[in-house]
Amino acid sequence: QVQLVESGGGLVHAGGSLRLSCAASGSIFSINRINAMGWYRQALGKQRELVAAVTSDGSTNYADSVKGRFTISRDMTKNLYLQMNSLKPEDTAVYYCKAGWLQVNYWGQGTQVTVSS
């Protein structure tokens, strides 16, 4: 089992920045099997969507809406980060961390990001 805990959300003005963190804990065996991690977000009344993802070889993928503004990164202990710059009101959502391998996926509980205009 793997537990994921997000932090770093909050209220920020448009144009500001936030850095989200996702701490992975639990079975070392399971954590070592993780080969894909990502950030998703869900705005009120909308479906959850991929924001950014990173694989074990370091390949990254971003939603078009955040390219050039957000940067995903991770460390050797499978903690995950999302640097968010030039935030816009449309970035307001609950942000979730996801980690897994093959058909096994774990989710965090989410952290609220609110961008005021």
PDB file of N, CA and C in Angstrom:
ATOM      1  N   GLN A   1       0.825  -1.199   0.000  1.00  0.00           N
ATOM      2  CA  GLN A   1       0.000   0.000   0.000  1.00  0.00           C
ATOM      3  C   GLN A   1       0.861   1.251   0.000  1.00  0.00           C
ATOM      4  N   VAL A   2       0.340   2.281  -0.643  1.00  0.00           N
ATOM      5  CA  VAL A   2       1.035   3.570  -0.712  1.00  0.00           C
ATOM      6  C   VAL A   2       0.059   4.652  -0.285  1.00  0.00           C
ATOM      7  N   GLN A   3       0.530   5.539   0.545  1.00  0.00           N
ATOM      8  CA  GLN A   3      -0.255   6.709   0.926  1.00  0.00           C
ATOM      9  C   GLN A   3       0.380   7.943   0.299  1.00  0.00           C
ATOM     10  N   LEU A   4      -0.471   8.790  -0.234  1.00  0.00           N
ATOM     11  CA  LEU A   4      -0.021  10.035  -0.861  1.00  0.00           C
ATOM     12  C   LEU A   4      -0.678  11.202  -0.146  1.00  0.00           C
ATOM     13  N   VAL A   5       0.108  12.162   0.260  1.00  0.00           N
ATOM     14  CA  VAL A   5      -0.425  13.325   0.966  1.00  0.00           C
ATOM     15  C   VAL A   5       0.056  14.591   0.266  1.00  0.00           C
ATOM     16  N   GLU A   6      -0.907  15.358  -0.240  1.00  0.00           N
ATOM     17  CA  GLU A   6      -0.583  16.606  -0.912  1.00  0.00           C
ATOM     18  C   GLU A   6      -0.539  17.762   0.074  1.00  0.00           C
ATOM     19  N   SER A   7       0.231  18.775  -0.262  1.00  0.00           N
ATOM     20  CA  SER A   7       0.292  20.003   0.534  1.00  0.00           C
ATOM     21  C   SER A   7       0.722  21.141  -0.379  1.00  0.00           C
ATOM     22  N   GLY A   8       0.575  22.363   0.113  1.00  0.00           N
ATOM     23  CA  GLY A   8       1.034  23.514  -0.630  1.00  0.00           C
ATOM     24  C   GLY A   8      -0.050  24.326  -1.305  1.00  0.00           C
ATOM     25  N   GLY A   9      -1.286  23.846  -1.256  1.00  0.00           N
ATOM     26  CA  GLY A   9      -2.361  24.603  -1.857  1.00  0.00           C
ATOM     27  C   GLY A   9      -2.673  25.851  -1.058  1.00  0.00           C
ATOM     28  N   GLY A  10      -3.524  26.697  -1.618  1.00  0.00           N
ATOM     29  CA  GLY A  10      -3.908  27.908  -0.918  1.00  0.00           C
ATOM     30  C   GLY A  10      -4.559  28.903  -1.842  1.00  0.00           C
ATOM     31  N   LEU A  11      -4.675  30.122  -1.349  1.00  0.00           N
ATOM     32  CA  LEU A  11      -5.283  31.219  -2.099  1.00  0.00           C
ATOM     33  C   LEU A  11      -4.179  32.152  -2.588  1.00  0.00           C
ATOM     34  N   VAL A  12      -4.222  32.466  -3.872  1.00  0.00           N
ATOM     35  CA  VAL A  12      -3.208  33.325  -4.462  1.00  0.00           C
ATOM     36  C   VAL A  12      -3.859  34.220  -5.500  1.00  0.00           C
ATOM     37  N   HIS A  13      -3.288  35.398  -5.697  1.00  0.00           N
ATOM     38  CA  HIS A  13      -3.799  36.304  -6.721  1.00  0.00           C
ATOM     39  C   HIS A  13      -3.340  35.847  -8.107  1.00  0.00           C
ATOM     40  N   ALA A  14      -4.082  36.222  -9.104  1.00  0.00           N
ATOM     41  CA  ALA A  14      -3.695  35.911 -10.483  1.00  0.00           C
ATOM     42  C   ALA A  14      -2.293  36.452 -10.748  1.00  0.00           C
ATOM     43  N   GLY A  15      -1.496  35.625 -11.438  1.00  0.00           N
ATOM     44  CA  GLY A  15      -0.109  35.981 -11.685  1.00  0.00           C
ATOM     45  C   GLY A  15       0.860  35.461 -10.646  1.00  0.00           C
ATOM     46  N   GLY A  16       0.337  34.979  -9.544  1.00  0.00           N
ATOM     47  CA  GLY A  16       1.177  34.471  -8.468  1.00  0.00           C
ATOM     48  C   GLY A  16       1.635  33.047  -8.702  1.00  0.00           C
ATOM     49  N   SER A  17       2.322  32.525  -7.694  1.00  0.00           N
ATOM     50  CA  SER A  17       2.898  31.180  -7.800  1.00  0.00           C
ATOM     51  C   SER A  17       2.578  30.355  -6.556  1.00  0.00           C
ATOM     52  N   LEU A  18       2.532  29.053  -6.758  1.00  0.00           N
ATOM     53  CA  LEU A  18       2.412  28.096  -5.671  1.00  0.00           C
ATOM     54  C   LEU A  18       3.250  26.876  -6.016  1.00  0.00           C
ATOM     55  N   ARG A  19       3.701  26.178  -4.992  1.00  0.00           N
ATOM     56  CA  ARG A  19       4.425  24.926  -5.193  1.00  0.00           C
ATOM     57  C   ARG A  19       3.711  23.834  -4.407  1.00  0.00           C
ATOM     58  N   LEU A  20       3.184  22.866  -5.128  1.00  0.00           N
ATOM     59  CA  LEU A  20       2.515  21.739  -4.507  1.00  0.00           C
ATOM     60  C   LEU A  20       3.511  20.610  -4.265  1.00  0.00           C
ATOM     61  N   SER A  21       3.301  19.908  -3.176  1.00  0.00           N
ATOM     62  CA  SER A  21       4.117  18.745  -2.853  1.00  0.00           C
ATOM     63  C   SER A  21       3.232  17.548  -2.610  1.00  0.00           C
ATOM     64  N   CYS A  22       3.748  16.376  -2.922  1.00  0.00           N
ATOM     65  CA  CYS A  22       3.041  15.122  -2.677  1.00  0.00           C
ATOM     66  C   CYS A  22       4.044  14.162  -2.053  1.00  0.00           C
ATOM     67  N   ALA A  23       3.783  13.805  -0.804  1.00  0.00           N
ATOM     68  CA  ALA A  23       4.678  12.916  -0.082  1.00  0.00           C
ATOM     69  C   ALA A  23       4.162  11.488  -0.137  1.00  0.00           C
ATOM     70  N   ALA A  24       5.018  10.583  -0.581  1.00  0.00           N
ATOM     71  CA  ALA A  24       4.655   9.168  -0.670  1.00  0.00           C
ATOM     72  C   ALA A  24       5.197   8.421   0.541  1.00  0.00           C
ATOM     73  N   SER A  25       4.357   7.565   1.105  1.00  0.00           N
ATOM     74  CA  SER A  25       4.782   6.749   2.235  1.00  0.00           C
ATOM     75  C   SER A  25       4.076   5.407   2.169  1.00  0.00           C
ATOM     76  N   GLY A  26       4.549   4.464   2.995  1.00  0.00           N
ATOM     77  CA  GLY A  26       3.938   3.149   3.024  1.00  0.00           C
ATOM     78  C   GLY A  26       4.942   2.060   2.723  1.00  0.00           C
ATOM     79  N   SER A  27       4.474   1.035   2.049  1.00  0.00           N
ATOM     80  CA  SER A  27       5.313  -0.114   1.724  1.00  0.00           C
ATOM     81  C   SER A  27       6.473   0.283   0.807  1.00  0.00           C
ATOM     82  N   ILE A  28       7.685   0.040   1.271  1.00  0.00           N
ATOM     83  CA  ILE A  28       8.856   0.348   0.449  1.00  0.00           C
ATOM     84  C   ILE A  28       8.814  -0.456  -0.842  1.00  0.00           C
ATOM     85  N   PHE A  29       8.342  -1.695  -0.756  1.00  0.00           N
ATOM     86  CA  PHE A  29       8.231  -2.542  -1.938  1.00  0.00           C
ATOM     87  C   PHE A  29       7.306  -1.909  -2.970  1.00  0.00           C
ATOM     88  N   SER A  30       6.168  -1.389  -2.511  1.00  0.00           N
ATOM     89  CA  SER A  30       5.208  -0.766  -3.431  1.00  0.00           C
ATOM     90  C   SER A  30       5.746   0.560  -3.964  1.00  0.00           C
ATOM     91  N   ILE A  31       6.353   1.354  -3.083  1.00  0.00           N
ATOM     92  CA  ILE A  31       6.892   2.644  -3.521  1.00  0.00           C
ATOM     93  C   ILE A  31       7.948   2.444  -4.598  1.00  0.00           C
ATOM     94  N   ASN A  32       8.766   1.436  -4.440  1.00  0.00           N
ATOM     95  CA  ASN A  32       9.814   1.187  -5.432  1.00  0.00           C
ATOM     96  C   ASN A  32       9.247   0.735  -6.772  1.00  0.00           C
ATOM     97  N   ARG A  33       8.011   0.253  -6.762  1.00  0.00           N
ATOM     98  CA  ARG A  33       7.412  -0.204  -8.025  1.00  0.00           C
ATOM     99  C   ARG A  33       6.796   0.944  -8.812  1.00  0.00           C
ATOM    100  N   ILE A  34       6.601   2.090  -8.180  1.00  0.00           N
ATOM    101  CA  ILE A  34       5.969   3.226  -8.860  1.00  0.00           C
ATOM    102  C   ILE A  34       6.812   3.645 -10.048  1.00  0.00           C
ATOM    103  N   ASN A  35       6.176   3.700 -11.212  1.00  0.00           N
ATOM    104  CA  ASN A  35       6.918   4.158 -12.395  1.00  0.00           C
ATOM    105  C   ASN A  35       6.222   5.308 -13.113  1.00  0.00           C
ATOM    106  N   ALA A  36       5.104   5.753 -12.575  1.00  0.00           N
ATOM    107  CA  ALA A  36       4.419   6.893 -13.173  1.00  0.00           C
ATOM    108  C   ALA A  36       3.752   7.688 -12.065  1.00  0.00           C
ATOM    109  N   MET A  37       3.924   8.985 -12.137  1.00  0.00           N
ATOM    110  CA  MET A  37       3.313   9.874 -11.154  1.00  0.00           C
ATOM    111  C   MET A  37       2.752  11.086 -11.884  1.00  0.00           C
ATOM    112  N   GLY A  38       1.723  11.665 -11.317  1.00  0.00           N
ATOM    113  CA  GLY A  38       1.142  12.811 -11.982  1.00  0.00           C
ATOM    114  C   GLY A  38       0.293  13.664 -11.075  1.00  0.00           C
ATOM    115  N   TRP A  39      -0.015  14.822 -11.559  1.00  0.00           N
ATOM    116  CA  TRP A  39      -0.938  15.751 -10.907  1.00  0.00           C
ATOM    117  C   TRP A  39      -2.194  15.875 -11.760  1.00  0.00           C
ATOM    118  N   TYR A  40      -3.321  15.793 -11.113  1.00  0.00           N
ATOM    119  CA  TYR A  40      -4.617  15.979 -11.738  1.00  0.00           C
ATOM    120  C   TYR A  40      -5.334  17.084 -10.986  1.00  0.00           C
ATOM    121  N   ARG A  41      -6.339  17.635 -11.617  1.00  0.00           N
ATOM    122  CA  ARG A  41      -7.146  18.642 -10.931  1.00  0.00           C
ATOM    123  C   ARG A  41      -8.606  18.490 -11.312  1.00  0.00           C
ATOM    124  N   GLN A  42      -9.447  18.923 -10.396  1.00  0.00           N
ATOM    125  CA  GLN A  42     -10.881  18.873 -10.637  1.00  0.00           C
ATOM    126  C   GLN A  42     -11.501  20.172 -10.153  1.00  0.00           C
ATOM    127  N   ALA A  43     -12.006  20.929 -11.105  1.00  0.00           N
ATOM    128  CA  ALA A  43     -12.706  22.167 -10.776  1.00  0.00           C
ATOM    129  C   ALA A  43     -14.155  21.846 -10.451  1.00  0.00           C
ATOM    130  N   LEU A  44     -14.796  22.740  -9.746  1.00  0.00           N
ATOM    131  CA  LEU A  44     -16.181  22.537  -9.333  1.00  0.00           C
ATOM    132  C   LEU A  44     -17.066  22.308 -10.559  1.00  0.00           C
ATOM    133  N   GLY A  45     -17.781  21.200 -10.573  1.00  0.00           N
ATOM    134  CA  GLY A  45     -18.698  20.912 -11.653  1.00  0.00           C
ATOM    135  C   GLY A  45     -18.055  20.356 -12.902  1.00  0.00           C
ATOM    136  N   LYS A  46     -16.760  20.086 -12.853  1.00  0.00           N
ATOM    137  CA  LYS A  46     -16.057  19.576 -14.025  1.00  0.00           C
ATOM    138  C   LYS A  46     -15.410  18.228 -13.713  1.00  0.00           C
ATOM    139  N   GLN A  47     -15.017  17.542 -14.775  1.00  0.00           N
ATOM    140  CA  GLN A  47     -14.358  16.255 -14.612  1.00  0.00           C
ATOM    141  C   GLN A  47     -12.897  16.451 -14.216  1.00  0.00           C
ATOM    142  N   ARG A  48     -12.357  15.439 -13.556  1.00  0.00           N
ATOM    143  CA  ARG A  48     -10.951  15.474 -13.199  1.00  0.00           C
ATOM    144  C   ARG A  48     -10.122  15.384 -14.479  1.00  0.00           C
ATOM    145  N   GLU A  49      -9.050  16.180 -14.545  1.00  0.00           N
ATOM    146  CA  GLU A  49      -8.226  16.205 -15.742  1.00  0.00           C
ATOM    147  C   GLU A  49      -6.739  16.138 -15.383  1.00  0.00           C
ATOM    148  N   LEU A  50      -5.977  15.605 -16.316  1.00  0.00           N
ATOM    149  CA  LEU A  50      -4.536  15.535 -16.130  1.00  0.00           C
ATOM    150  C   LEU A  50      -3.933  16.929 -16.261  1.00  0.00           C
ATOM    151  N   VAL A  51      -3.057  17.269 -15.330  1.00  0.00           N
ATOM    152  CA  VAL A  51      -2.326  18.527 -15.388  1.00  0.00           C
ATOM    153  C   VAL A  51      -0.907  18.268 -15.906  1.00  0.00           C
ATOM    154  N   ALA A  52      -0.226  17.322 -15.269  1.00  0.00           N
ATOM    155  CA  ALA A  52       1.151  17.008 -15.650  1.00  0.00           C
ATOM    156  C   ALA A  52       1.501  15.629 -15.129  1.00  0.00           C
ATOM    157  N   ALA A  53       2.378  14.945 -15.854  1.00  0.00           N
ATOM    158  CA  ALA A  53       2.782  13.602 -15.459  1.00  0.00           C
ATOM    159  C   ALA A  53       4.266  13.410 -15.727  1.00  0.00           C
ATOM    160  N   VAL A  54       4.870  12.500 -14.969  1.00  0.00           N
ATOM    161  CA  VAL A  54       6.278  12.173 -15.152  1.00  0.00           C
ATOM    162  C   VAL A  54       6.450  10.671 -14.982  1.00  0.00           C
ATOM    163  N   THR A  55       7.260  10.076 -15.839  1.00  0.00           N
ATOM    164  CA  THR A  55       7.515   8.641 -15.775  1.00  0.00           C
ATOM    165  C   THR A  55       8.878   8.371 -15.148  1.00  0.00           C
ATOM    166  N   SER A  56       9.171   7.089 -14.974  1.00  0.00           N
ATOM    167  CA  SER A  56      10.402   6.703 -14.296  1.00  0.00           C
ATOM    168  C   SER A  56      11.652   7.119 -15.072  1.00  0.00           C
ATOM    169  N   ASP A  57      11.529   7.277 -16.387  1.00  0.00           N
ATOM    170  CA  ASP A  57      12.697   7.689 -17.180  1.00  0.00           C
ATOM    171  C   ASP A  57      12.811   9.205 -17.288  1.00  0.00           C
ATOM    172  N   GLY A  58      11.910   9.904 -16.579  1.00  0.00           N
ATOM    173  CA  GLY A  58      11.981  11.357 -16.566  1.00  0.00           C
ATOM    174  C   GLY A  58      11.157  12.059 -17.621  1.00  0.00           C
ATOM    175  N   SER A  59      10.481  11.309 -18.441  1.00  0.00           N
ATOM    176  CA  SER A  59       9.635  11.919 -19.463  1.00  0.00           C
ATOM    177  C   SER A  59       8.465  12.634 -18.806  1.00  0.00           C
ATOM    178  N   THR A  60       8.156  13.820 -19.316  1.00  0.00           N
ATOM    179  CA  THR A  60       7.059  14.612 -18.759  1.00  0.00           C
ATOM    180  C   THR A  60       6.010  14.896 -19.818  1.00  0.00           C
ATOM    181  N   ASN A  61       4.814  15.142 -19.323  1.00  0.00           N
ATOM    182  CA  ASN A  61       3.690  15.439 -20.199  1.00  0.00           C
ATOM    183  C   ASN A  61       2.836  16.486 -19.504  1.00  0.00           C
ATOM    184  N   TYR A  62       2.412  17.503 -20.227  1.00  0.00           N
ATOM    185  CA  TYR A  62       1.635  18.586 -19.653  1.00  0.00           C
ATOM    186  C   TYR A  62       0.355  18.821 -20.436  1.00  0.00           C
ATOM    187  N   ALA A  63      -0.671  19.230 -19.741  1.00  0.00           N
ATOM    188  CA  ALA A  63      -1.868  19.700 -20.411  1.00  0.00           C
ATOM    189  C   ALA A  63      -1.520  20.984 -21.153  1.00  0.00           C
ATOM    190  N   ASP A  64      -2.147  21.186 -22.291  1.00  0.00           N
ATOM    191  CA  ASP A  64      -1.850  22.379 -23.088  1.00  0.00           C
ATOM    192  C   ASP A  64      -2.078  23.662 -22.281  1.00  0.00           C
ATOM    193  N   SER A  65      -3.063  23.635 -21.409  1.00  0.00           N
ATOM    194  CA  SER A  65      -3.440  24.838 -20.670  1.00  0.00           C
ATOM    195  C   SER A  65      -2.384  25.277 -19.654  1.00  0.00           C
ATOM    196  N   VAL A  66      -1.445  24.387 -19.313  1.00  0.00           N
ATOM    197  CA  VAL A  66      -0.447  24.749 -18.297  1.00  0.00           C
ATOM    198  C   VAL A  66       0.974  24.755 -18.837  1.00  0.00           C
ATOM    199  N   LYS A  67       1.151  24.389 -20.083  1.00  0.00           N
ATOM    200  CA  LYS A  67       2.499  24.354 -20.662  1.00  0.00           C
ATOM    201  C   LYS A  67       3.162  25.724 -20.572  1.00  0.00           C
ATOM    202  N   GLY A  68       4.428  25.707 -20.141  1.00  0.00           N
ATOM    203  CA  GLY A  68       5.165  26.952 -19.999  1.00  0.00           C
ATOM    204  C   GLY A  68       4.930  27.659 -18.683  1.00  0.00           C
ATOM    205  N   ARG A  69       3.939  27.211 -17.912  1.00  0.00           N
ATOM    206  CA  ARG A  69       3.647  27.840 -16.618  1.00  0.00           C
ATOM    207  C   ARG A  69       3.897  26.890 -15.447  1.00  0.00           C
ATOM    208  N   PHE A  70       3.626  25.607 -15.639  1.00  0.00           N
ATOM    209  CA  PHE A  70       3.765  24.610 -14.570  1.00  0.00           C
ATOM    210  C   PHE A  70       4.956  23.706 -14.871  1.00  0.00           C
ATOM    211  N   THR A  71       5.612  23.251 -13.815  1.00  0.00           N
ATOM    212  CA  THR A  71       6.723  22.316 -13.951  1.00  0.00           C
ATOM    213  C   THR A  71       6.570  21.192 -12.936  1.00  0.00           C
ATOM    214  N   ILE A  72       6.558  19.962 -13.437  1.00  0.00           N
ATOM    215  CA  ILE A  72       6.460  18.796 -12.563  1.00  0.00           C
ATOM    216  C   ILE A  72       7.867  18.258 -12.309  1.00  0.00           C
ATOM    217  N   SER A  73       8.080  17.776 -11.100  1.00  0.00           N
ATOM    218  CA  SER A  73       9.366  17.171 -10.763  1.00  0.00           C
ATOM    219  C   SER A  73       9.162  16.155  -9.651  1.00  0.00           C
ATOM    220  N   ARG A  74      10.147  15.292  -9.468  1.00  0.00           N
ATOM    221  CA  ARG A  74      10.077  14.315  -8.386  1.00  0.00           C
ATOM    222  C   ARG A  74      11.490  14.060  -7.876  1.00  0.00           C
ATOM    223  N   ASP A  75      11.552  13.505  -6.672  1.00  0.00           N
ATOM    224  CA  ASP A  75      12.863  13.180  -6.143  1.00  0.00           C
ATOM    225  C   ASP A  75      13.044  11.671  -6.054  1.00  0.00           C
ATOM    226  N   MET A  76      14.181  11.249  -5.544  1.00  0.00           N
ATOM    227  CA  MET A  76      14.520   9.823  -5.548  1.00  0.00           C
ATOM    228  C   MET A  76      13.625   9.017  -4.626  1.00  0.00           C
ATOM    229  N   THR A  77      12.971   9.685  -3.662  1.00  0.00           N
ATOM    230  CA  THR A  77      12.096   8.956  -2.743  1.00  0.00           C
ATOM    231  C   THR A  77      10.651   8.950  -3.215  1.00  0.00           C
ATOM    232  N   LYS A  78      10.435   9.322  -4.486  1.00  0.00           N
ATOM    233  CA  LYS A  78       9.098   9.317  -5.098  1.00  0.00           C
ATOM    234  C   LYS A  78       8.184  10.388  -4.501  1.00  0.00           C
ATOM    235  N   ASN A  79       8.745  11.444  -3.947  1.00  0.00           N
ATOM    236  CA  ASN A  79       7.937  12.614  -3.642  1.00  0.00           C
ATOM    237  C   ASN A  79       7.775  13.413  -4.925  1.00  0.00           C
ATOM    238  N   LEU A  80       6.622  14.007  -5.066  1.00  0.00           N
ATOM    239  CA  LEU A  80       6.267  14.677  -6.317  1.00  0.00           C
ATOM    240  C   LEU A  80       5.999  16.149  -6.046  1.00  0.00           C
ATOM    241  N   TYR A  81       6.352  16.984  -7.030  1.00  0.00           N
ATOM    242  CA  TYR A  81       6.170  18.426  -6.867  1.00  0.00           C
ATOM    243  C   TYR A  81       5.542  19.012  -8.124  1.00  0.00           C
ATOM    244  N   LEU A  82       4.878  20.137  -7.930  1.00  0.00           N
ATOM    245  CA  LEU A  82       4.333  20.887  -9.057  1.00  0.00           C
ATOM    246  C   LEU A  82       4.555  22.363  -8.783  1.00  0.00           C
ATOM    247  N   GLN A  83       5.459  22.964  -9.537  1.00  0.00           N
ATOM    248  CA  GLN A  83       5.684  24.403  -9.454  1.00  0.00           C
ATOM    249  C   GLN A  83       4.722  25.084 -10.408  1.00  0.00           C
ATOM    250  N   MET A  84       3.885  25.943  -9.862  1.00  0.00           N
ATOM    251  CA  MET A  84       2.867  26.610 -10.658  1.00  0.00           C
ATOM    252  C   MET A  84       3.138  28.102 -10.658  1.00  0.00           C
ATOM    253  N   ASN A  85       3.445  28.637 -11.827  1.00  0.00           N
ATOM    254  CA  ASN A  85       3.704  30.065 -11.985  1.00  0.00           C
ATOM    255  C   ASN A  85       2.635  30.700 -12.871  1.00  0.00           C
ATOM    256  N   SER A  86       2.576  32.000 -12.828  1.00  0.00           N
ATOM    257  CA  SER A  86       1.610  32.751 -13.656  1.00  0.00           C
ATOM    258  C   SER A  86       0.214  32.162 -13.541  1.00  0.00           C
ATOM    259  N   LEU A  87      -0.213  31.952 -12.326  1.00  0.00           N
ATOM    260  CA  LEU A  87      -1.508  31.311 -12.100  1.00  0.00           C
ATOM    261  C   LEU A  87      -2.656  32.177 -12.597  1.00  0.00           C
ATOM    262  N   LYS A  88      -3.681  31.502 -13.090  1.00  0.00           N
ATOM    263  CA  LYS A  88      -4.861  32.151 -13.622  1.00  0.00           C
ATOM    264  C   LYS A  88      -6.083  31.706 -12.824  1.00  0.00           C
ATOM    265  N   PRO A  89      -7.144  32.498 -12.818  1.00  0.00           N
ATOM    266  CA  PRO A  89      -8.357  32.081 -12.110  1.00  0.00           C
ATOM    267  C   PRO A  89      -8.870  30.720 -12.582  1.00  0.00           C
ATOM    268  N   GLU A  90      -8.681  30.398 -13.845  1.00  0.00           N
ATOM    269  CA  GLU A  90      -9.146  29.105 -14.371  1.00  0.00           C
ATOM    270  C   GLU A  90      -8.318  27.923 -13.866  1.00  0.00           C
ATOM    271  N   ASP A  91      -7.233  28.197 -13.146  1.00  0.00           N
ATOM    272  CA  ASP A  91      -6.461  27.130 -12.521  1.00  0.00           C
ATOM    273  C   ASP A  91      -7.064  26.703 -11.179  1.00  0.00           C
ATOM    274  N   THR A  92      -8.074  27.417 -10.737  1.00  0.00           N
ATOM    275  CA  THR A  92      -8.727  27.091  -9.474  1.00  0.00           C
ATOM    276  C   THR A  92      -9.340  25.694  -9.533  1.00  0.00           C
ATOM    277  N   ALA A  93      -8.949  24.855  -8.585  1.00  0.00           N
ATOM    278  CA  ALA A  93      -9.419  23.470  -8.555  1.00  0.00           C
ATOM    279  C   ALA A  93      -8.832  22.771  -7.340  1.00  0.00           C
ATOM    280  N   VAL A  94      -9.313  21.561  -7.108  1.00  0.00           N
ATOM    281  CA  VAL A  94      -8.643  20.674  -6.158  1.00  0.00           C
ATOM    282  C   VAL A  94      -7.606  19.884  -6.951  1.00  0.00           C
ATOM    283  N   TYR A  95      -6.386  19.902  -6.476  1.00  0.00           N
ATOM    284  CA  TYR A  95      -5.284  19.226  -7.152  1.00  0.00           C
ATOM    285  C   TYR A  95      -4.964  17.919  -6.435  1.00  0.00           C
ATOM    286  N   TYR A  96      -4.885  16.851  -7.229  1.00  0.00           N
ATOM    287  CA  TYR A  96      -4.650  15.514  -6.701  1.00  0.00           C
ATOM    288  C   TYR A  96      -3.346  14.944  -7.232  1.00  0.00           C
ATOM    289  N   CYS A  97      -2.668  14.206  -6.384  1.00  0.00           N
ATOM    290  CA  CYS A  97      -1.468  13.483  -6.757  1.00  0.00           C
ATOM    291  C   CYS A  97      -1.855  12.032  -7.038  1.00  0.00           C
ATOM    292  N   LYS A  98      -1.274  11.467  -8.081  1.00  0.00           N
ATOM    293  CA  LYS A  98      -1.530  10.071  -8.437  1.00  0.00           C
ATOM    294  C   LYS A  98      -0.199   9.377  -8.677  1.00  0.00           C
ATOM    295  N   ALA A  99      -0.105   8.136  -8.218  1.00  0.00           N
ATOM    296  CA  ALA A  99       1.115   7.358  -8.421  1.00  0.00           C
ATOM    297  C   ALA A  99       0.758   5.904  -8.612  1.00  0.00           C
ATOM    298  N   GLY A 100       1.528   5.184  -9.433  1.00  0.00           N
ATOM    299  CA  GLY A 100       1.224   3.780  -9.614  1.00  0.00           C
ATOM    300  C   GLY A 100       2.079   3.097 -10.654  1.00  0.00           C
ATOM    301  N   TRP A 101       1.673   1.885 -10.956  1.00  0.00           N
ATOM    302  CA  TRP A 101       2.324   1.084 -11.984  1.00  0.00           C
ATOM    303  C   TRP A 101       1.291   0.131 -12.571  1.00  0.00           C
ATOM    304  N   LEU A 102       1.377  -0.138 -13.860  1.00  0.00           N
ATOM    305  CA  LEU A 102       0.411  -0.988 -14.584  1.00  0.00           C
ATOM    306  C   LEU A 102      -1.000  -0.508 -14.234  1.00  0.00           C
ATOM    307  N   GLN A 103      -1.854  -1.410 -13.721  1.00  0.00           N
ATOM    308  CA  GLN A 103      -3.232  -1.016 -13.410  1.00  0.00           C
ATOM    309  C   GLN A 103      -3.408  -0.621 -11.949  1.00  0.00           C
ATOM    310  N   VAL A 104      -2.308  -0.505 -11.226  1.00  0.00           N
ATOM    311  CA  VAL A 104      -2.378  -0.127  -9.818  1.00  0.00           C
ATOM    312  C   VAL A 104      -2.169   1.375  -9.691  1.00  0.00           C
ATOM    313  N   ASN A 105      -3.119   2.065  -9.091  1.00  0.00           N
ATOM    314  CA  ASN A 105      -3.016   3.518  -8.926  1.00  0.00           C
ATOM    315  C   ASN A 105      -3.438   3.924  -7.532  1.00  0.00           C
ATOM    316  N   TYR A 106      -2.700   4.858  -6.989  1.00  0.00           N
ATOM    317  CA  TYR A 106      -3.023   5.433  -5.694  1.00  0.00           C
ATOM    318  C   TYR A 106      -3.263   6.928  -5.871  1.00  0.00           C
ATOM    319  N   TRP A 107      -4.181   7.452  -5.070  1.00  0.00           N
ATOM    320  CA  TRP A 107      -4.526   8.870  -5.128  1.00  0.00           C
ATOM    321  C   TRP A 107      -4.366   9.496  -3.763  1.00  0.00           C
ATOM    322  N   GLY A 108      -3.984  10.770  -3.766  1.00  0.00           N
ATOM    323  CA  GLY A 108      -3.996  11.531  -2.539  1.00  0.00           C
ATOM    324  C   GLY A 108      -5.385  12.099  -2.287  1.00  0.00           C
ATOM    325  N   GLN A 109      -5.519  12.818  -1.193  1.00  0.00           N
ATOM    326  CA  GLN A 109      -6.831  13.350  -0.807  1.00  0.00           C
ATOM    327  C   GLN A 109      -7.130  14.694  -1.453  1.00  0.00           C
ATOM    328  N   GLY A 110      -6.107  15.312  -2.047  1.00  0.00           N
ATOM    329  CA  GLY A 110      -6.309  16.569  -2.755  1.00  0.00           C
ATOM    330  C   GLY A 110      -5.967  17.787  -1.925  1.00  0.00           C
ATOM    331  N   THR A 111      -5.589  18.850  -2.614  1.00  0.00           N
ATOM    332  CA  THR A 111      -5.311  20.134  -1.967  1.00  0.00           C
ATOM    333  C   THR A 111      -5.946  21.234  -2.815  1.00  0.00           C
ATOM    334  N   GLN A 112      -6.617  22.153  -2.162  1.00  0.00           N
ATOM    335  CA  GLN A 112      -7.357  23.208  -2.874  1.00  0.00           C
ATOM    336  C   GLN A 112      -6.420  24.325  -3.309  1.00  0.00           C
ATOM    337  N   VAL A 113      -6.545  24.697  -4.560  1.00  0.00           N
ATOM    338  CA  VAL A 113      -5.851  25.868  -5.105  1.00  0.00           C
ATOM    339  C   VAL A 113      -6.912  26.843  -5.593  1.00  0.00           C
ATOM    340  N   THR A 114      -6.865  28.050  -5.084  1.00  0.00           N
ATOM    341  CA  THR A 114      -7.818  29.081  -5.472  1.00  0.00           C
ATOM    342  C   THR A 114      -7.044  30.294  -5.965  1.00  0.00           C
ATOM    343  N   VAL A 115      -7.349  30.712  -7.191  1.00  0.00           N
ATOM    344  CA  VAL A 115      -6.673  31.864  -7.791  1.00  0.00           C
ATOM    345  C   VAL A 115      -7.704  32.968  -7.965  1.00  0.00           C
ATOM    346  N   SER A 116      -7.486  34.079  -7.310  1.00  0.00           N
ATOM    347  CA  SER A 116      -8.425  35.199  -7.396  1.00  0.00           C
ATOM    348  C   SER A 116      -7.999  36.151  -8.510  1.00  0.00           C
ATOM    349  N   SER A 117      -8.990  36.773  -9.113  1.00  0.00           N
ATOM    350  CA  SER A 117      -8.709  37.692 -10.230  1.00  0.00           C
ATOM    351  C   SER A 117      -8.465  39.096  -9.726  1.00  0.00           C
TER     352      SER A 117
END
